[in-house]
Amino acid sequence: MKVPIIAVAIALVSAGAAFATDDCNVPMNQWKPREAVAQLAARNGWKVERIRIDDGCYQIQGLDTGGHRIKVKVDPGSLALVEMKIRYRDEPARR
């Protein structure tokens, strides 16, 4: 029995969508403003280079108080930290 190619393609796309999840699942009308994210960074002593949206979360890129590169994912509704990555100054960049 031959399965139509279109049916296989639909099945593969559907399966991929089931595995694709965002880190934050907060409706846009419940998001805190970008200024609140900047204030959170300032309270922590971080020097913000960029605030963007990644996987449904706010992402802060910049430097911590020690001058180390940071990437911080923040829940847009509660401003709770979801993930934080630090690259120390003496550590080589990963590719």
PDB file of N, CA and C in Angstrom:
ATOM      1  N   MET A   1       0.840  -1.184   0.000  1.00  0.00           N
ATOM      2  CA  MET A   1       0.000   0.000   0.000  1.00  0.00           C
ATOM      3  C   MET A   1       0.879   1.238   0.000  1.00  0.00           C
ATOM      4  N   LYS A   2       0.584   2.172  -0.863  1.00  0.00           N
ATOM      5  CA  LYS A   2       1.340   3.412  -0.930  1.00  0.00           C
ATOM      6  C   LYS A   2       0.623   4.491  -0.131  1.00  0.00           C
ATOM      7  N   VAL A   3       1.390   5.187   0.692  1.00  0.00           N
ATOM      8  CA  VAL A   3       0.838   6.287   1.478  1.00  0.00           C
ATOM      9  C   VAL A   3       1.114   7.577   0.716  1.00  0.00           C
ATOM     10  N   PRO A   4       0.115   8.386   0.501  1.00  0.00           N
ATOM     11  CA  PRO A   4       0.346   9.636  -0.211  1.00  0.00           C
ATOM     12  C   PRO A   4       1.378  10.502   0.510  1.00  0.00           C
ATOM     13  N   ILE A   5       2.247  11.115  -0.275  1.00  0.00           N
ATOM     14  CA  ILE A   5       3.320  11.945   0.293  1.00  0.00           C
ATOM     15  C   ILE A   5       2.758  13.064   1.138  1.00  0.00           C
ATOM     16  N   ILE A   6       1.666  13.654   0.736  1.00  0.00           N
ATOM     17  CA  ILE A   6       1.084  14.758   1.491  1.00  0.00           C
ATOM     18  C   ILE A   6       0.674  14.306   2.891  1.00  0.00           C
ATOM     19  N   ALA A   7       0.152  13.087   3.028  1.00  0.00           N
ATOM     20  CA  ALA A   7      -0.242  12.573   4.342  1.00  0.00           C
ATOM     21  C   ALA A   7       0.967  12.389   5.236  1.00  0.00           C
ATOM     22  N   VAL A   8       2.068  11.914   4.686  1.00  0.00           N
ATOM     23  CA  VAL A   8       3.300  11.748   5.455  1.00  0.00           C
ATOM     24  C   VAL A   8       3.831  13.105   5.896  1.00  0.00           C
ATOM     25  N   ALA A   9       3.804  14.079   4.989  1.00  0.00           N
ATOM     26  CA  ALA A   9       4.290  15.415   5.314  1.00  0.00           C
ATOM     27  C   ALA A   9       3.475  16.044   6.435  1.00  0.00           C
ATOM     28  N   ILE A  10       2.159  15.907   6.386  1.00  0.00           N
ATOM     29  CA  ILE A  10       1.292  16.443   7.435  1.00  0.00           C
ATOM     30  C   ILE A  10       1.585  15.764   8.763  1.00  0.00           C
ATOM     31  N   ALA A  11       1.777  14.464   8.752  1.00  0.00           N
ATOM     32  CA  ALA A  11       2.076  13.730   9.990  1.00  0.00           C
ATOM     33  C   ALA A  11       3.396  14.193  10.591  1.00  0.00           C
ATOM     34  N   LEU A  12       4.413  14.413   9.760  1.00  0.00           N
ATOM     35  CA  LEU A  12       5.710  14.864  10.265  1.00  0.00           C
ATOM     36  C   LEU A  12       5.639  16.271  10.835  1.00  0.00           C
ATOM     37  N   VAL A  13       4.924  17.163  10.178  1.00  0.00           N
ATOM     38  CA  VAL A  13       4.782  18.536  10.681  1.00  0.00           C
ATOM     39  C   VAL A  13       4.025  18.535  11.995  1.00  0.00           C
ATOM     40  N   SER A  14       2.972  17.736  12.092  1.00  0.00           N
ATOM     41  CA  SER A  14       2.199  17.653  13.331  1.00  0.00           C
ATOM     42  C   SER A  14       3.046  17.109  14.475  1.00  0.00           C
ATOM     43  N   ALA A  15       3.859  16.114  14.211  1.00  0.00           N
ATOM     44  CA  ALA A  15       4.716  15.536  15.249  1.00  0.00           C
ATOM     45  C   ALA A  15       5.756  16.544  15.695  1.00  0.00           C
ATOM     46  N   GLY A  16       6.304  17.303  14.772  1.00  0.00           N
ATOM     47  CA  GLY A  16       7.296  18.315  15.134  1.00  0.00           C
ATOM     48  C   GLY A  16       6.690  19.411  15.980  1.00  0.00           C
ATOM     49  N   ALA A  17       5.469  19.804  15.683  1.00  0.00           N
ATOM     50  CA  ALA A  17       4.796  20.846  16.458  1.00  0.00           C
ATOM     51  C   ALA A  17       4.534  20.380  17.887  1.00  0.00           C
ATOM     52  N   ALA A  18       4.296  19.092  18.076  1.00  0.00           N
ATOM     53  CA  ALA A  18       4.043  18.570  19.419  1.00  0.00           C
ATOM     54  C   ALA A  18       5.289  18.653  20.287  1.00  0.00           C
ATOM     55  N   PHE A  19       6.464  18.576  19.693  1.00  0.00           N
ATOM     56  CA  PHE A  19       7.697  18.624  20.459  1.00  0.00           C
ATOM     57  C   PHE A  19       8.227  20.039  20.628  1.00  0.00           C
ATOM     58  N   ALA A  20       7.761  20.976  19.829  1.00  0.00           N
ATOM     59  CA  ALA A  20       8.241  22.361  19.904  1.00  0.00           C
ATOM     60  C   ALA A  20       7.500  23.073  21.026  1.00  0.00           C
ATOM     61  N   THR A  21       8.210  23.362  22.105  1.00  0.00           N
ATOM     62  CA  THR A  21       7.593  24.066  23.222  1.00  0.00           C
ATOM     63  C   THR A  21       8.396  25.308  23.551  1.00  0.00           C
ATOM     64  N   ASP A  22       7.721  26.300  24.047  1.00  0.00           N
ATOM     65  CA  ASP A  22       8.382  27.514  24.500  1.00  0.00           C
ATOM     66  C   ASP A  22       8.738  27.351  25.969  1.00  0.00           C
ATOM     67  N   ASP A  23       9.733  28.111  26.390  1.00  0.00           N
ATOM     68  CA  ASP A  23      10.110  28.082  27.802  1.00  0.00           C
ATOM     69  C   ASP A  23       9.060  28.788  28.658  1.00  0.00           C
ATOM     70  N   CYS A  24       8.420  29.819  28.096  1.00  0.00           N
ATOM     71  CA  CYS A  24       7.420  30.602  28.824  1.00  0.00           C
ATOM     72  C   CYS A  24       6.114  30.574  28.035  1.00  0.00           C
ATOM     73  N   ASN A  25       5.039  30.325  28.713  1.00  0.00           N
ATOM     74  CA  ASN A  25       3.724  30.262  28.068  1.00  0.00           C
ATOM     75  C   ASN A  25       2.765  31.217  28.754  1.00  0.00           C
ATOM     76  N   VAL A  26       3.024  32.503  28.629  1.00  0.00           N
ATOM     77  CA  VAL A  26       2.213  33.528  29.274  1.00  0.00           C
ATOM     78  C   VAL A  26       1.508  34.322  28.178  1.00  0.00           C
ATOM     79  N   PRO A  27       0.183  34.495  28.267  1.00  0.00           N
ATOM     80  CA  PRO A  27      -0.512  35.307  27.268  1.00  0.00           C
ATOM     81  C   PRO A  27       0.041  36.740  27.253  1.00  0.00           C
ATOM     82  N   MET A  28       0.121  37.323  26.066  1.00  0.00           N
ATOM     83  CA  MET A  28       0.711  38.656  25.905  1.00  0.00           C
ATOM     84  C   MET A  28       0.050  39.709  26.791  1.00  0.00           C
ATOM     85  N   ASN A  29      -1.254  39.584  27.040  1.00  0.00           N
ATOM     86  CA  ASN A  29      -1.933  40.595  27.856  1.00  0.00           C
ATOM     87  C   ASN A  29      -1.543  40.515  29.337  1.00  0.00           C
ATOM     88  N   GLN A  30      -0.768  39.502  29.721  1.00  0.00           N
ATOM     89  CA  GLN A  30      -0.309  39.361  31.106  1.00  0.00           C
ATOM     90  C   GLN A  30       1.182  39.679  31.258  1.00  0.00           C
ATOM     91  N   TRP A  31       1.817  40.085  30.173  1.00  0.00           N
ATOM     92  CA  TRP A  31       3.248  40.388  30.220  1.00  0.00           C
ATOM     93  C   TRP A  31       3.507  41.693  30.957  1.00  0.00           C
ATOM     94  N   LYS A  32       4.580  41.716  31.725  1.00  0.00           N
ATOM     95  CA  LYS A  32       5.071  42.958  32.325  1.00  0.00           C
ATOM     96  C   LYS A  32       5.760  43.759  31.212  1.00  0.00           C
ATOM     97  N   PRO A  33       5.799  45.085  31.348  1.00  0.00           N
ATOM     98  CA  PRO A  33       6.457  45.885  30.310  1.00  0.00           C
ATOM     99  C   PRO A  33       7.970  45.688  30.303  1.00  0.00           C
ATOM    100  N   ARG A  34       8.571  46.010  29.184  1.00  0.00           N
ATOM    101  CA  ARG A  34      10.027  45.894  29.009  1.00  0.00           C
ATOM    102  C   ARG A  34      10.776  46.725  30.064  1.00  0.00           C
ATOM    103  N   GLU A  35      10.190  47.849  30.466  1.00  0.00           N
ATOM    104  CA  GLU A  35      10.821  48.697  31.490  1.00  0.00           C
ATOM    105  C   GLU A  35      10.967  47.955  32.819  1.00  0.00           C
ATOM    106  N   ALA A  36      10.006  47.083  33.139  1.00  0.00           N
ATOM    107  CA  ALA A  36      10.090  46.289  34.367  1.00  0.00           C
ATOM    108  C   ALA A  36      11.256  45.305  34.295  1.00  0.00           C
ATOM    109  N   VAL A  37      11.525  44.786  33.107  1.00  0.00           N
ATOM    110  CA  VAL A  37      12.663  43.878  32.914  1.00  0.00           C
ATOM    111  C   VAL A  37      13.966  44.655  33.099  1.00  0.00           C
ATOM    112  N   ALA A  38      14.023  45.864  32.562  1.00  0.00           N
ATOM    113  CA  ALA A  38      15.211  46.706  32.721  1.00  0.00           C
ATOM    114  C   ALA A  38      15.433  47.048  34.197  1.00  0.00           C
ATOM    115  N   GLN A  39      14.356  47.290  34.932  1.00  0.00           N
ATOM    116  CA  GLN A  39      14.478  47.569  36.366  1.00  0.00           C
ATOM    117  C   GLN A  39      14.973  46.345  37.135  1.00  0.00           C
ATOM    118  N   LEU A  40      14.507  45.164  36.745  1.00  0.00           N
ATOM    119  CA  LEU A  40      14.989  43.917  37.361  1.00  0.00           C
ATOM    120  C   LEU A  40      16.495  43.788  37.162  1.00  0.00           C
ATOM    121  N   ALA A  41      16.949  44.057  35.943  1.00  0.00           N
ATOM    122  CA  ALA A  41      18.384  43.984  35.647  1.00  0.00           C
ATOM    123  C   ALA A  41      19.154  45.000  36.479  1.00  0.00           C
ATOM    124  N   ALA A  42      18.638  46.204  36.595  1.00  0.00           N
ATOM    125  CA  ALA A  42      19.315  47.250  37.376  1.00  0.00           C
ATOM    126  C   ALA A  42      19.407  46.858  38.856  1.00  0.00           C
ATOM    127  N   ARG A  43      18.330  46.270  39.404  1.00  0.00           N
ATOM    128  CA  ARG A  43      18.356  45.821  40.808  1.00  0.00           C
ATOM    129  C   ARG A  43      19.426  44.761  41.045  1.00  0.00           C
ATOM    130  N   ASN A  44      19.712  43.953  40.015  1.00  0.00           N
ATOM    131  CA  ASN A  44      20.729  42.911  40.131  1.00  0.00           C
ATOM    132  C   ASN A  44      22.120  43.409  39.767  1.00  0.00           C
ATOM    133  N   GLY A  45      22.223  44.674  39.353  1.00  0.00           N
ATOM    134  CA  GLY A  45      23.521  45.243  39.010  1.00  0.00           C
ATOM    135  C   GLY A  45      24.027  44.843  37.638  1.00  0.00           C
ATOM    136  N   TRP A  46      23.132  44.369  36.768  1.00  0.00           N
ATOM    137  CA  TRP A  46      23.540  43.944  35.438  1.00  0.00           C
ATOM    138  C   TRP A  46      23.582  45.126  34.483  1.00  0.00           C
ATOM    139  N   LYS A  47      24.570  45.144  33.601  1.00  0.00           N
ATOM    140  CA  LYS A  47      24.642  46.141  32.539  1.00  0.00           C
ATOM    141  C   LYS A  47      23.968  45.530  31.315  1.00  0.00           C
ATOM    142  N   VAL A  48      22.826  46.079  30.935  1.00  0.00           N
ATOM    143  CA  VAL A  48      22.033  45.524  29.846  1.00  0.00           C
ATOM    144  C   VAL A  48      22.558  46.023  28.504  1.00  0.00           C
ATOM    145  N   GLU A  49      22.824  45.079  27.609  1.00  0.00           N
ATOM    146  CA  GLU A  49      23.184  45.412  26.237  1.00  0.00           C
ATOM    147  C   GLU A  49      21.985  45.236  25.318  1.00  0.00           C
ATOM    148  N   ARG A  50      21.106  44.278  25.669  1.00  0.00           N
ATOM    149  CA  ARG A  50      19.957  43.993  24.817  1.00  0.00           C
ATOM    150  C   ARG A  50      18.884  43.260  25.606  1.00  0.00           C
ATOM    151  N   ILE A  51      17.637  43.623  25.361  1.00  0.00           N
ATOM    152  CA  ILE A  51      16.489  42.873  25.871  1.00  0.00           C
ATOM    153  C   ILE A  51      15.691  42.454  24.649  1.00  0.00           C
ATOM    154  N   ARG A  52      15.440  41.155  24.532  1.00  0.00           N
ATOM    155  CA  ARG A  52      14.674  40.657  23.393  1.00  0.00           C
ATOM    156  C   ARG A  52      13.740  39.551  23.867  1.00  0.00           C
ATOM    157  N   ILE A  53      12.955  39.031  22.957  1.00  0.00           N
ATOM    158  CA  ILE A  53      12.039  37.936  23.271  1.00  0.00           C
ATOM    159  C   ILE A  53      12.577  36.664  22.633  1.00  0.00           C
ATOM    160  N   ASP A  54      12.666  35.587  23.432  1.00  0.00           N
ATOM    161  CA  ASP A  54      13.171  34.307  22.963  1.00  0.00           C
ATOM    162  C   ASP A  54      12.368  33.189  23.617  1.00  0.00           C
ATOM    163  N   ASP A  55      11.798  32.309  22.822  1.00  0.00           N
ATOM    164  CA  ASP A  55      10.997  31.175  23.313  1.00  0.00           C
ATOM    165  C   ASP A  55       9.878  31.619  24.250  1.00  0.00           C
ATOM    166  N   GLY A  56       9.265  32.761  23.955  1.00  0.00           N
ATOM    167  CA  GLY A  56       8.164  33.251  24.762  1.00  0.00           C
ATOM    168  C   GLY A  56       8.595  33.929  26.050  1.00  0.00           C
ATOM    169  N   CYS A  57       9.888  34.065  26.270  1.00  0.00           N
ATOM    170  CA  CYS A  57      10.432  34.716  27.465  1.00  0.00           C
ATOM    171  C   CYS A  57      11.143  36.012  27.075  1.00  0.00           C
ATOM    172  N   TYR A  58      11.307  36.893  28.042  1.00  0.00           N
ATOM    173  CA  TYR A  58      12.247  37.985  27.849  1.00  0.00           C
ATOM    174  C   TYR A  58      13.652  37.412  27.993  1.00  0.00           C
ATOM    175  N   GLN A  59      14.588  37.900  27.207  1.00  0.00           N
ATOM    176  CA  GLN A  59      15.990  37.495  27.350  1.00  0.00           C
ATOM    177  C   GLN A  59      16.836  38.750  27.500  1.00  0.00           C
ATOM    178  N   ILE A  60      17.601  38.794  28.576  1.00  0.00           N
ATOM    179  CA  ILE A  60      18.513  39.906  28.836  1.00  0.00           C
ATOM    180  C   ILE A  60      19.911  39.448  28.455  1.00  0.00           C
ATOM    181  N   GLN A  61      20.596  40.238  27.651  1.00  0.00           N
ATOM    182  CA  GLN A  61      21.996  39.977  27.320  1.00  0.00           C
ATOM    183  C   GLN A  61      22.797  41.159  27.832  1.00  0.00           C
ATOM    184  N   GLY A  62      23.912  40.872  28.484  1.00  0.00           N
ATOM    185  CA  GLY A  62      24.735  41.948  29.005  1.00  0.00           C
ATOM    186  C   GLY A  62      25.862  41.434  29.870  1.00  0.00           C
ATOM    187  N   LEU A  63      26.180  42.210  30.895  1.00  0.00           N
ATOM    188  CA  LEU A  63      27.284  41.887  31.798  1.00  0.00           C
ATOM    189  C   LEU A  63      26.782  41.877  33.236  1.00  0.00           C
ATOM    190  N   ASP A  64      27.320  40.958  34.041  1.00  0.00           N
ATOM    191  CA  ASP A  64      26.980  40.952  35.455  1.00  0.00           C
ATOM    192  C   ASP A  64      27.892  41.921  36.200  1.00  0.00           C
ATOM    193  N   THR A  65      27.796  41.956  37.517  1.00  0.00           N
ATOM    194  CA  THR A  65      28.584  42.899  38.310  1.00  0.00           C
ATOM    195  C   THR A  65      30.078  42.641  38.225  1.00  0.00           C
ATOM    196  N   GLY A  66      30.483  41.428  37.872  1.00  0.00           N
ATOM    197  CA  GLY A  66      31.895  41.093  37.723  1.00  0.00           C
ATOM    198  C   GLY A  66      32.420  41.294  36.311  1.00  0.00           C
ATOM    199  N   GLY A  67      31.558  41.789  35.409  1.00  0.00           N
ATOM    200  CA  GLY A  67      31.976  42.013  34.032  1.00  0.00           C
ATOM    201  C   GLY A  67      31.902  40.771  33.156  1.00  0.00           C
ATOM    202  N   HIS A  68      31.253  39.726  33.647  1.00  0.00           N
ATOM    203  CA  HIS A  68      31.104  38.482  32.887  1.00  0.00           C
ATOM    204  C   HIS A  68      29.866  38.564  31.992  1.00  0.00           C
ATOM    205  N   ARG A  69      29.946  37.987  30.791  1.00  0.00           N
ATOM    206  CA  ARG A  69      28.806  37.966  29.860  1.00  0.00           C
ATOM    207  C   ARG A  69      27.691  37.096  30.434  1.00  0.00           C
ATOM    208  N   ILE A  70      26.471  37.596  30.333  1.00  0.00           N
ATOM    209  CA  ILE A  70      25.308  36.845  30.813  1.00  0.00           C
ATOM    210  C   ILE A  70      24.207  36.837  29.760  1.00  0.00           C
ATOM    211  N   LYS A  71      23.422  35.768  29.799  1.00  0.00           N
ATOM    212  CA  LYS A  71      22.160  35.660  29.087  1.00  0.00           C
ATOM    213  C   LYS A  71      21.166  35.157  30.124  1.00  0.00           C
ATOM    214  N   VAL A  72      20.125  35.929  30.341  1.00  0.00           N
ATOM    215  CA  VAL A  72      19.142  35.593  31.365  1.00  0.00           C
ATOM    216  C   VAL A  72      17.766  35.536  30.728  1.00  0.00           C
ATOM    217  N   LYS A  73      17.081  34.399  30.890  1.00  0.00           N
ATOM    218  CA  LYS A  73      15.695  34.283  30.435  1.00  0.00           C
ATOM    219  C   LYS A  73      14.796  34.563  31.633  1.00  0.00           C
ATOM    220  N   VAL A  74      13.795  35.418  31.391  1.00  0.00           N
ATOM    221  CA  VAL A  74      12.900  35.861  32.449  1.00  0.00           C
ATOM    222  C   VAL A  74      11.458  35.590  32.024  1.00  0.00           C
ATOM    223  N   ASP A  75      10.674  35.035  32.945  1.00  0.00           N
ATOM    224  CA  ASP A  75       9.252  34.818  32.685  1.00  0.00           C
ATOM    225  C   ASP A  75       8.586  36.190  32.520  1.00  0.00           C
ATOM    226  N   PRO A  76       7.870  36.418  31.422  1.00  0.00           N
ATOM    227  CA  PRO A  76       7.319  37.739  31.165  1.00  0.00           C
ATOM    228  C   PRO A  76       6.151  38.133  32.066  1.00  0.00           C
ATOM    229  N   GLY A  77       5.519  37.171  32.712  1.00  0.00           N
ATOM    230  CA  GLY A  77       4.398  37.475  33.590  1.00  0.00           C
ATOM    231  C   GLY A  77       4.807  37.742  35.018  1.00  0.00           C
ATOM    232  N   SER A  78       5.739  36.952  35.525  1.00  0.00           N
ATOM    233  CA  SER A  78       6.146  37.065  36.937  1.00  0.00           C
ATOM    234  C   SER A  78       7.517  37.689  37.109  1.00  0.00           C
ATOM    235  N   LEU A  79       8.277  37.807  36.030  1.00  0.00           N
ATOM    236  CA  LEU A  79       9.670  38.268  36.041  1.00  0.00           C
ATOM    237  C   LEU A  79      10.583  37.340  36.846  1.00  0.00           C
ATOM    238  N   ALA A  80      10.168  36.088  36.987  1.00  0.00           N
ATOM    239  CA  ALA A  80      11.009  35.088  37.647  1.00  0.00           C
ATOM    240  C   ALA A  80      12.074  34.613  36.661  1.00  0.00           C
ATOM    241  N   LEU A  81      13.274  34.307  37.178  1.00  0.00           N
ATOM    242  CA  LEU A  81      14.343  33.795  36.329  1.00  0.00           C
ATOM    243  C   LEU A  81      14.001  32.385  35.874  1.00  0.00           C
ATOM    244  N   VAL A  82      14.104  32.152  34.560  1.00  0.00           N
ATOM    245  CA  VAL A  82      13.850  30.841  33.974  1.00  0.00           C
ATOM    246  C   VAL A  82      15.179  30.132  33.741  1.00  0.00           C
ATOM    247  N   GLU A  83      16.166  30.882  33.253  1.00  0.00           N
ATOM    248  CA  GLU A  83      17.472  30.317  32.939  1.00  0.00           C
ATOM    249  C   GLU A  83      18.502  31.442  32.949  1.00  0.00           C
ATOM    250  N   MET A  84      19.712  31.113  33.402  1.00  0.00           N
ATOM    251  CA  MET A  84      20.797  32.094  33.392  1.00  0.00           C
ATOM    252  C   MET A  84      22.074  31.406  32.948  1.00  0.00           C
ATOM    253  N   LYS A  85      22.731  32.002  31.959  1.00  0.00           N
ATOM    254  CA  LYS A  85      24.016  31.491  31.484  1.00  0.00           C
ATOM    255  C   LYS A  85      25.057  32.571  31.709  1.00  0.00           C
ATOM    256  N   ILE A  86      26.204  32.163  32.249  1.00  0.00           N
ATOM    257  CA  ILE A  86      27.309  33.091  32.501  1.00  0.00           C
ATOM    258  C   ILE A  86      28.535  32.581  31.764  1.00  0.00           C
ATOM    259  N   ARG A  87      29.187  33.472  31.045  1.00  0.00           N
ATOM    260  CA  ARG A  87      30.464  33.134  30.416  1.00  0.00           C
ATOM    261  C   ARG A  87      31.519  34.006  31.092  1.00  0.00           C
ATOM    262  N   TYR A  88      32.375  33.373  31.846  1.00  0.00           N
ATOM    263  CA  TYR A  88      33.400  34.089  32.587  1.00  0.00           C
ATOM    264  C   TYR A  88      34.445  34.662  31.645  1.00  0.00           C
ATOM    265  N   ARG A  89      35.025  35.784  32.029  1.00  0.00           N
ATOM    266  CA  ARG A  89      35.962  36.508  31.155  1.00  0.00           C
ATOM    267  C   ARG A  89      37.143  35.660  30.731  1.00  0.00           C
ATOM    268  N   ASP A  90      37.645  34.794  31.599  1.00  0.00           N
ATOM    269  CA  ASP A  90      38.816  33.990  31.257  1.00  0.00           C
ATOM    270  C   ASP A  90      38.446  32.694  30.526  1.00  0.00           C
ATOM    271  N   GLU A  91      37.141  32.485  30.295  1.00  0.00           N
ATOM    272  CA  GLU A  91      36.675  31.286  29.606  1.00  0.00           C
ATOM    273  C   GLU A  91      36.548  31.590  28.107  1.00  0.00           C
ATOM    274  N   PRO A  92      37.137  30.762  27.236  1.00  0.00           N
ATOM    275  CA  PRO A  92      37.010  31.024  25.796  1.00  0.00           C
ATOM    276  C   PRO A  92      35.582  30.861  25.306  1.00  0.00           C
ATOM    277  N   ALA A  93      35.247  31.580  24.268  1.00  0.00           N
ATOM    278  CA  ALA A  93      33.911  31.490  23.685  1.00  0.00           C
ATOM    279  C   ALA A  93      33.708  30.121  23.064  1.00  0.00           C
ATOM    280  N   ARG A  94      32.510  29.566  23.228  1.00  0.00           N
ATOM    281  CA  ARG A  94      32.152  28.278  22.627  1.00  0.00           C
ATOM    282  C   ARG A  94      31.555  28.529  21.260  1.00  0.00           C
ATOM    283  N   ARG A  95      31.808  27.633  20.366  1.00  0.00           N
ATOM    284  CA  ARG A  95      31.220  27.769  19.015  1.00  0.00           C
ATOM    285  C   ARG A  95      30.253  26.672  18.762  1.00  0.00           C
TER     286      ARG A  95
END
